[in-house]
Amino acid sequence: MQPNEIIKYFKDQSLTEVYNAALESTSELTDFIKIGADNFRAYFENAYKKDMTYKSAKGGVTYDEFINTGSESGITLSSAKTQAAFVDHKYDELQQWHDAALSEYIESLNLEDHQENDFYDTYQYFIVPFTTNPSSFVRYLDGQLFLDEKSEDLENVFKDEKDIKQLFAKLNNSKSEILRAELVTTLDFPLKLDLYKIKY
């Protein structure tokens, strides 16, 4: 929940009571934005970006938050299974950041439709966020065709690495110069990250 959000629960109230309570709450607000067909898409996209930026600003879901969510759901797992599930979750989170960051970058280029279709013809693009789970990040890089070794081995090697940029630099610098990834730009959405590219 964002700091400016208010959530109220009406567990035992009737639908009429909930409706009346909503009317009473909204009557105190004055900064409504009128949404119509002409501005719905822009408003929705802006609201989505704000929400994603807020959730990602600290680096996404933490291990403690992940554990608490499982506890609230009544799920009990062994320590090893919990860690594995967390790595999977952070991997999915990286994929979401990847898609959001590339959409943001492509939109900033103002490409024509045919240019956008050709965007991935020469280069593979991937992100290096300021923070995430190191094992999940190694797995993500493997999915981006960046790794020269088995991801399982590297996940174990770098599982305790706290500095994600340093982790990436070690992997990138281990390649011959012609095969190293090239920094494209730095983005602030969905969180602070660097966008890199490599040739296919």
C-alpha atoms as a PDB file:
ATOM      1  CA  MET A   1       0.000   0.000   0.000  1.00  0.00           C
ATOM      2  CA  GLN A   2       1.312   3.435  -0.936  1.00  0.00           C
ATOM      3  CA  PRO A   3       1.565   6.183   1.707  1.00  0.00           C
ATOM      4  CA  ASN A   4      -1.279   8.196   0.163  1.00  0.00           C
ATOM      5  CA  GLU A   5      -3.653   5.229  -0.026  1.00  0.00           C
ATOM      6  CA  ILE A   6      -6.416   4.492   2.469  1.00  0.00           C
ATOM      7  CA  ILE A   7      -7.886   1.004   2.752  1.00  0.00           C
ATOM      8  CA  LYS A   8     -11.034   0.315   4.767  1.00  0.00           C
ATOM      9  CA  TYR A   9     -12.482  -3.106   5.442  1.00  0.00           C
ATOM     10  CA  PHE A  10     -16.230  -3.768   5.717  1.00  0.00           C
ATOM     11  CA  LYS A  11     -16.299  -7.429   6.631  1.00  0.00           C
ATOM     12  CA  ASP A  12     -19.743  -7.672   8.202  1.00  0.00           C
ATOM     13  CA  GLN A  13     -21.579  -4.765   6.569  1.00  0.00           C
ATOM     14  CA  SER A  14     -24.247  -5.062   3.921  1.00  0.00           C
ATOM     15  CA  LEU A  15     -23.733  -3.780   0.394  1.00  0.00           C
ATOM     16  CA  THR A  16     -25.918  -0.753   1.190  1.00  0.00           C
ATOM     17  CA  GLU A  17     -23.802   0.084   4.246  1.00  0.00           C
ATOM     18  CA  VAL A  18     -20.602  -0.218   2.219  1.00  0.00           C
ATOM     19  CA  TYR A  19     -22.047   2.035  -0.501  1.00  0.00           C
ATOM     20  CA  ASN A  20     -23.114   4.689   2.034  1.00  0.00           C
ATOM     21  CA  ALA A  21     -19.712   4.560   3.733  1.00  0.00           C
ATOM     22  CA  ALA A  22     -18.028   5.044   0.358  1.00  0.00           C
ATOM     23  CA  LEU A  23     -20.197   8.066  -0.383  1.00  0.00           C
ATOM     24  CA  GLU A  24     -19.369   9.551   2.998  1.00  0.00           C
ATOM     25  CA  SER A  25     -15.637   9.025   2.501  1.00  0.00           C
ATOM     26  CA  THR A  26     -15.542  10.464  -0.997  1.00  0.00           C
ATOM     27  CA  SER A  27     -17.585  13.511   0.009  1.00  0.00           C
ATOM     28  CA  GLU A  28     -14.573  14.677   2.005  1.00  0.00           C
ATOM     29  CA  LEU A  29     -12.279  14.588  -1.027  1.00  0.00           C
ATOM     30  CA  THR A  30     -11.895  17.446  -3.472  1.00  0.00           C
ATOM     31  CA  ASP A  31      -9.111  16.370  -5.831  1.00  0.00           C
ATOM     32  CA  PHE A  32     -11.085  14.019  -8.088  1.00  0.00           C
ATOM     33  CA  ILE A  33      -9.903  13.516 -11.653  1.00  0.00           C
ATOM     34  CA  LYS A  34     -12.612  13.085 -14.249  1.00  0.00           C
ATOM     35  CA  ILE A  35     -11.888  10.012 -16.350  1.00  0.00           C
ATOM     36  CA  GLY A  36     -13.416   9.584 -19.787  1.00  0.00           C
ATOM     37  CA  ALA A  37     -12.734   7.862 -23.082  1.00  0.00           C
ATOM     38  CA  ASP A  38     -10.272  10.578 -24.102  1.00  0.00           C
ATOM     39  CA  ASN A  39      -7.956  10.281 -21.086  1.00  0.00           C
ATOM     40  CA  PHE A  40      -8.579   6.800 -19.661  1.00  0.00           C
ATOM     41  CA  ARG A  41      -5.562   5.127 -21.287  1.00  0.00           C
ATOM     42  CA  ALA A  42      -3.120   7.866 -20.276  1.00  0.00           C
ATOM     43  CA  TYR A  43      -4.487   7.927 -16.732  1.00  0.00           C
ATOM     44  CA  PHE A  44      -4.381   4.140 -16.382  1.00  0.00           C
ATOM     45  CA  GLU A  45      -0.823   3.878 -17.746  1.00  0.00           C
ATOM     46  CA  ASN A  46       0.372   6.675 -15.464  1.00  0.00           C
ATOM     47  CA  ALA A  47      -1.289   5.082 -12.416  1.00  0.00           C
ATOM     48  CA  TYR A  48       0.234   1.708 -13.315  1.00  0.00           C
ATOM     49  CA  LYS A  49       3.707   3.217 -13.639  1.00  0.00           C
ATOM     50  CA  LYS A  50       3.398   4.995 -10.294  1.00  0.00           C
ATOM     51  CA  ASP A  51       2.291   1.793  -8.594  1.00  0.00           C
ATOM     52  CA  MET A  52       5.075  -0.293 -10.135  1.00  0.00           C
ATOM     53  CA  THR A  53       7.690   2.359  -9.329  1.00  0.00           C
ATOM     54  CA  TYR A  54       6.563   2.460  -5.706  1.00  0.00           C
ATOM     55  CA  LYS A  55       6.645  -1.332  -5.340  1.00  0.00           C
ATOM     56  CA  SER A  56      10.037  -1.609  -7.056  1.00  0.00           C
ATOM     57  CA  ALA A  57      11.776   1.416  -5.516  1.00  0.00           C
ATOM     58  CA  LYS A  58      13.353  -0.552  -2.682  1.00  0.00           C
ATOM     59  CA  GLY A  59      14.249  -3.476  -4.921  1.00  0.00           C
ATOM     60  CA  GLY A  60      10.981  -5.381  -4.915  1.00  0.00           C
ATOM     61  CA  VAL A  61       9.800  -7.947  -2.404  1.00  0.00           C
ATOM     62  CA  THR A  62      12.265  -8.658   0.411  1.00  0.00           C
ATOM     63  CA  TYR A  63      12.853 -12.085   1.887  1.00  0.00           C
ATOM     64  CA  ASP A  64      11.137 -11.093   5.142  1.00  0.00           C
ATOM     65  CA  GLU A  65       8.088  -9.829   3.241  1.00  0.00           C
ATOM     66  CA  PHE A  66       8.009 -13.061   1.256  1.00  0.00           C
ATOM     67  CA  ILE A  67       8.148 -15.112   4.462  1.00  0.00           C
ATOM     68  CA  ASN A  68       5.388 -13.046   6.069  1.00  0.00           C
ATOM     69  CA  THR A  69       3.137 -13.485   3.043  1.00  0.00           C
ATOM     70  CA  GLY A  70       3.568 -17.236   3.238  1.00  0.00           C
ATOM     71  CA  SER A  71       2.825 -17.222   6.967  1.00  0.00           C
ATOM     72  CA  GLU A  72      -0.335 -15.155   6.480  1.00  0.00           C
ATOM     73  CA  SER A  73      -1.473 -17.643   3.840  1.00  0.00           C
ATOM     74  CA  GLY A  74      -0.929 -20.547   6.196  1.00  0.00           C
ATOM     75  CA  ILE A  75       1.830 -22.015   4.021  1.00  0.00           C
ATOM     76  CA  THR A  76       4.636 -23.852   5.823  1.00  0.00           C
ATOM     77  CA  LEU A  77       7.771 -24.805   3.911  1.00  0.00           C
ATOM     78  CA  SER A  78      11.221 -26.012   4.874  1.00  0.00           C
ATOM     79  CA  SER A  79      14.009 -23.440   4.863  1.00  0.00           C
ATOM     80  CA  ALA A  80      15.459 -24.832   1.616  1.00  0.00           C
ATOM     81  CA  LYS A  81      12.090 -24.857  -0.139  1.00  0.00           C
ATOM     82  CA  THR A  82      11.327 -21.347   1.098  1.00  0.00           C
ATOM     83  CA  GLN A  83      14.631 -20.079  -0.273  1.00  0.00           C
ATOM     84  CA  ALA A  84      14.024 -21.808  -3.596  1.00  0.00           C
ATOM     85  CA  ALA A  85      10.522 -20.344  -3.816  1.00  0.00           C
ATOM     86  CA  PHE A  86      11.902 -16.889  -3.047  1.00  0.00           C
ATOM     87  CA  VAL A  87      14.514 -17.204  -5.802  1.00  0.00           C
ATOM     88  CA  ASP A  88      11.734 -18.208  -8.221  1.00  0.00           C
ATOM     89  CA  HIS A  89       9.644 -15.216  -7.142  1.00  0.00           C
ATOM     90  CA  LYS A  90      12.528 -12.773  -7.598  1.00  0.00           C
ATOM     91  CA  TYR A  91      13.223 -14.272 -11.016  1.00  0.00           C
ATOM     92  CA  ASP A  92       9.619 -13.585 -12.044  1.00  0.00           C
ATOM     93  CA  GLU A  93      10.017 -10.070 -10.658  1.00  0.00           C
ATOM     94  CA  LEU A  94      13.105  -9.527 -12.835  1.00  0.00           C
ATOM     95  CA  GLN A  95      11.154 -10.630 -15.882  1.00  0.00           C
ATOM     96  CA  GLN A  96       8.473  -8.052 -15.078  1.00  0.00           C
ATOM     97  CA  TRP A  97      11.108  -5.337 -14.665  1.00  0.00           C
ATOM     98  CA  HIS A  98      12.711  -6.439 -17.931  1.00  0.00           C
ATOM     99  CA  ASP A  99       9.458  -6.045 -19.872  1.00  0.00           C
ATOM    100  CA  ALA A 100       8.598  -2.722 -18.220  1.00  0.00           C
ATOM    101  CA  ALA A 101      12.072  -1.257 -18.764  1.00  0.00           C
ATOM    102  CA  LEU A 102      12.205  -2.243 -22.425  1.00  0.00           C
ATOM    103  CA  SER A 103       8.738  -0.828 -23.051  1.00  0.00           C
ATOM    104  CA  GLU A 104       9.823   2.409 -21.397  1.00  0.00           C
ATOM    105  CA  TYR A 105      13.015   2.588 -23.474  1.00  0.00           C
ATOM    106  CA  ILE A 106      11.347   1.746 -26.786  1.00  0.00           C
ATOM    107  CA  GLU A 107       8.651   4.333 -26.140  1.00  0.00           C
ATOM    108  CA  SER A 108      11.328   6.980 -25.513  1.00  0.00           C
ATOM    109  CA  LEU A 109      12.808   6.316 -28.970  1.00  0.00           C
ATOM    110  CA  ASN A 110       9.561   7.253 -30.789  1.00  0.00           C
ATOM    111  CA  LEU A 111      10.080   4.487 -33.309  1.00  0.00           C
ATOM    112  CA  GLU A 112       7.879   3.858 -36.310  1.00  0.00           C
ATOM    113  CA  ASP A 113       5.997   0.558 -36.275  1.00  0.00           C
ATOM    114  CA  HIS A 114       8.389  -1.126 -38.707  1.00  0.00           C
ATOM    115  CA  GLN A 115      11.399   0.112 -36.695  1.00  0.00           C
ATOM    116  CA  GLU A 116       9.923  -1.262 -33.486  1.00  0.00           C
ATOM    117  CA  ASN A 117       9.429  -4.648 -35.154  1.00  0.00           C
ATOM    118  CA  ASP A 118      13.128  -4.650 -36.126  1.00  0.00           C
ATOM    119  CA  PHE A 119      14.316  -3.531 -32.683  1.00  0.00           C
ATOM    120  CA  TYR A 120      15.440  -7.003 -31.566  1.00  0.00           C
ATOM    121  CA  ASP A 121      16.944  -8.140 -34.877  1.00  0.00           C
ATOM    122  CA  THR A 122      20.584  -7.431 -33.987  1.00  0.00           C
ATOM    123  CA  TYR A 123      20.821  -7.132 -30.226  1.00  0.00           C
ATOM    124  CA  GLN A 124      19.606  -8.923 -27.119  1.00  0.00           C
ATOM    125  CA  TYR A 125      18.672  -6.437 -24.389  1.00  0.00           C
ATOM    126  CA  PHE A 126      18.665  -7.060 -20.654  1.00  0.00           C
ATOM    127  CA  ILE A 127      18.629  -5.151 -17.382  1.00  0.00           C
ATOM    128  CA  VAL A 128      21.015  -4.806 -14.446  1.00  0.00           C
ATOM    129  CA  PRO A 129      19.007  -3.457 -11.488  1.00  0.00           C
ATOM    130  CA  PHE A 130      20.652  -1.746  -8.520  1.00  0.00           C
ATOM    131  CA  THR A 131      19.488  -4.581  -6.281  1.00  0.00           C
ATOM    132  CA  THR A 132      17.814  -7.979  -6.458  1.00  0.00           C
ATOM    133  CA  ASN A 133      18.435 -11.555  -5.394  1.00  0.00           C
ATOM    134  CA  PRO A 134      21.823 -12.634  -6.854  1.00  0.00           C
ATOM    135  CA  SER A 135      20.778 -16.208  -7.651  1.00  0.00           C
ATOM    136  CA  SER A 136      17.654 -14.957  -9.414  1.00  0.00           C
ATOM    137  CA  PHE A 137      19.739 -12.450 -11.362  1.00  0.00           C
ATOM    138  CA  VAL A 138      22.161 -15.136 -12.565  1.00  0.00           C
ATOM    139  CA  ARG A 139      19.193 -17.243 -13.690  1.00  0.00           C
ATOM    140  CA  TYR A 140      17.748 -14.204 -15.472  1.00  0.00           C
ATOM    141  CA  LEU A 141      21.038 -13.592 -17.312  1.00  0.00           C
ATOM    142  CA  ASP A 142      21.031 -17.213 -18.417  1.00  0.00           C
ATOM    143  CA  GLY A 143      17.600 -16.646 -19.923  1.00  0.00           C
ATOM    144  CA  GLN A 144      18.998 -13.664 -21.813  1.00  0.00           C
ATOM    145  CA  LEU A 145      21.655 -15.896 -23.436  1.00  0.00           C
ATOM    146  CA  PHE A 146      24.435 -14.054 -21.613  1.00  0.00           C
ATOM    147  CA  LEU A 147      26.114 -16.802 -19.586  1.00  0.00           C
ATOM    148  CA  ASP A 148      28.929 -19.043 -20.792  1.00  0.00           C
ATOM    149  CA  GLU A 149      28.632 -21.467 -17.877  1.00  0.00           C
ATOM    150  CA  LYS A 150      25.768 -23.410 -16.336  1.00  0.00           C
ATOM    151  CA  SER A 151      23.519 -21.048 -14.411  1.00  0.00           C
ATOM    152  CA  GLU A 152      23.178 -23.547 -11.540  1.00  0.00           C
ATOM    153  CA  ASP A 153      26.935 -23.434 -10.915  1.00  0.00           C
ATOM    154  CA  LEU A 154      27.071 -19.650 -11.066  1.00  0.00           C
ATOM    155  CA  GLU A 155      24.008 -19.276  -8.847  1.00  0.00           C
ATOM    156  CA  ASN A 156      25.933 -21.126  -6.159  1.00  0.00           C
ATOM    157  CA  VAL A 157      29.114 -19.101  -6.727  1.00  0.00           C
ATOM    158  CA  PHE A 158      27.372 -15.727  -6.453  1.00  0.00           C
ATOM    159  CA  LYS A 159      24.540 -16.558  -4.027  1.00  0.00           C
ATOM    160  CA  ASP A 160      25.978 -14.278  -1.320  1.00  0.00           C
ATOM    161  CA  GLU A 161      26.985 -11.380  -3.586  1.00  0.00           C
ATOM    162  CA  LYS A 162      25.263  -8.209  -2.360  1.00  0.00           C
ATOM    163  CA  ASP A 163      26.403  -5.834  -5.108  1.00  0.00           C
ATOM    164  CA  ILE A 164      24.486  -6.753  -8.272  1.00  0.00           C
ATOM    165  CA  LYS A 165      26.445  -4.353 -10.477  1.00  0.00           C
ATOM    166  CA  GLN A 166      29.695  -5.857  -9.256  1.00  0.00           C
ATOM    167  CA  LEU A 167      28.341  -9.351  -9.882  1.00  0.00           C
ATOM    168  CA  PHE A 168      27.460  -8.373 -13.443  1.00  0.00           C
ATOM    169  CA  ALA A 169      30.829  -6.657 -13.973  1.00  0.00           C
ATOM    170  CA  LYS A 170      32.654  -9.853 -12.962  1.00  0.00           C
ATOM    171  CA  LEU A 171      30.652 -11.900 -15.444  1.00  0.00           C
ATOM    172  CA  ASN A 172      30.916  -9.324 -18.209  1.00  0.00           C
ATOM    173  CA  ASN A 173      34.658  -8.795 -17.769  1.00  0.00           C
ATOM    174  CA  SER A 174      35.269 -12.538 -17.891  1.00  0.00           C
ATOM    175  CA  LYS A 175      34.224 -12.461 -21.544  1.00  0.00           C
ATOM    176  CA  SER A 176      36.488 -11.505 -24.410  1.00  0.00           C
ATOM    177  CA  GLU A 177      36.159  -7.808 -25.203  1.00  0.00           C
ATOM    178  CA  ILE A 178      34.258  -8.367 -28.436  1.00  0.00           C
ATOM    179  CA  LEU A 179      31.591 -10.419 -26.626  1.00  0.00           C
ATOM    180  CA  ARG A 180      31.048  -8.110 -23.669  1.00  0.00           C
ATOM    181  CA  ALA A 181      27.717  -6.414 -23.116  1.00  0.00           C
ATOM    182  CA  GLU A 182      27.466  -2.722 -23.907  1.00  0.00           C
ATOM    183  CA  LEU A 183      25.691  -0.193 -21.705  1.00  0.00           C
ATOM    184  CA  VAL A 184      22.764   1.388 -23.544  1.00  0.00           C
ATOM    185  CA  THR A 185      21.293   3.740 -20.952  1.00  0.00           C
ATOM    186  CA  THR A 186      20.215   4.121 -17.346  1.00  0.00           C
ATOM    187  CA  LEU A 187      16.497   4.119 -16.532  1.00  0.00           C
ATOM    188  CA  ASP A 188      14.487   5.098 -13.453  1.00  0.00           C
ATOM    189  CA  PHE A 189      11.465   2.937 -14.322  1.00  0.00           C
ATOM    190  CA  PRO A 190      10.383   0.517 -13.008  1.00  0.00           C
ATOM    191  CA  LEU A 191      13.351   1.120 -10.673  1.00  0.00           C
ATOM    192  CA  LYS A 192      16.902   2.402 -10.981  1.00  0.00           C
ATOM    193  CA  LEU A 193      18.635   0.090 -13.459  1.00  0.00           C
ATOM    194  CA  ASP A 194      21.078  -0.093 -16.339  1.00  0.00           C
ATOM    195  CA  LEU A 195      20.015  -1.370 -19.748  1.00  0.00           C
ATOM    196  CA  TYR A 196      22.611  -3.422 -21.643  1.00  0.00           C
ATOM    197  CA  LYS A 197      22.774  -5.082 -25.034  1.00  0.00           C
ATOM    198  CA  ILE A 198      24.784  -7.855 -26.669  1.00  0.00           C
ATOM    199  CA  LYS A 199      24.924  -8.968 -30.274  1.00  0.00           C
ATOM    200  CA  TYR A 200      23.261 -12.226 -31.158  1.00  0.00           C
END
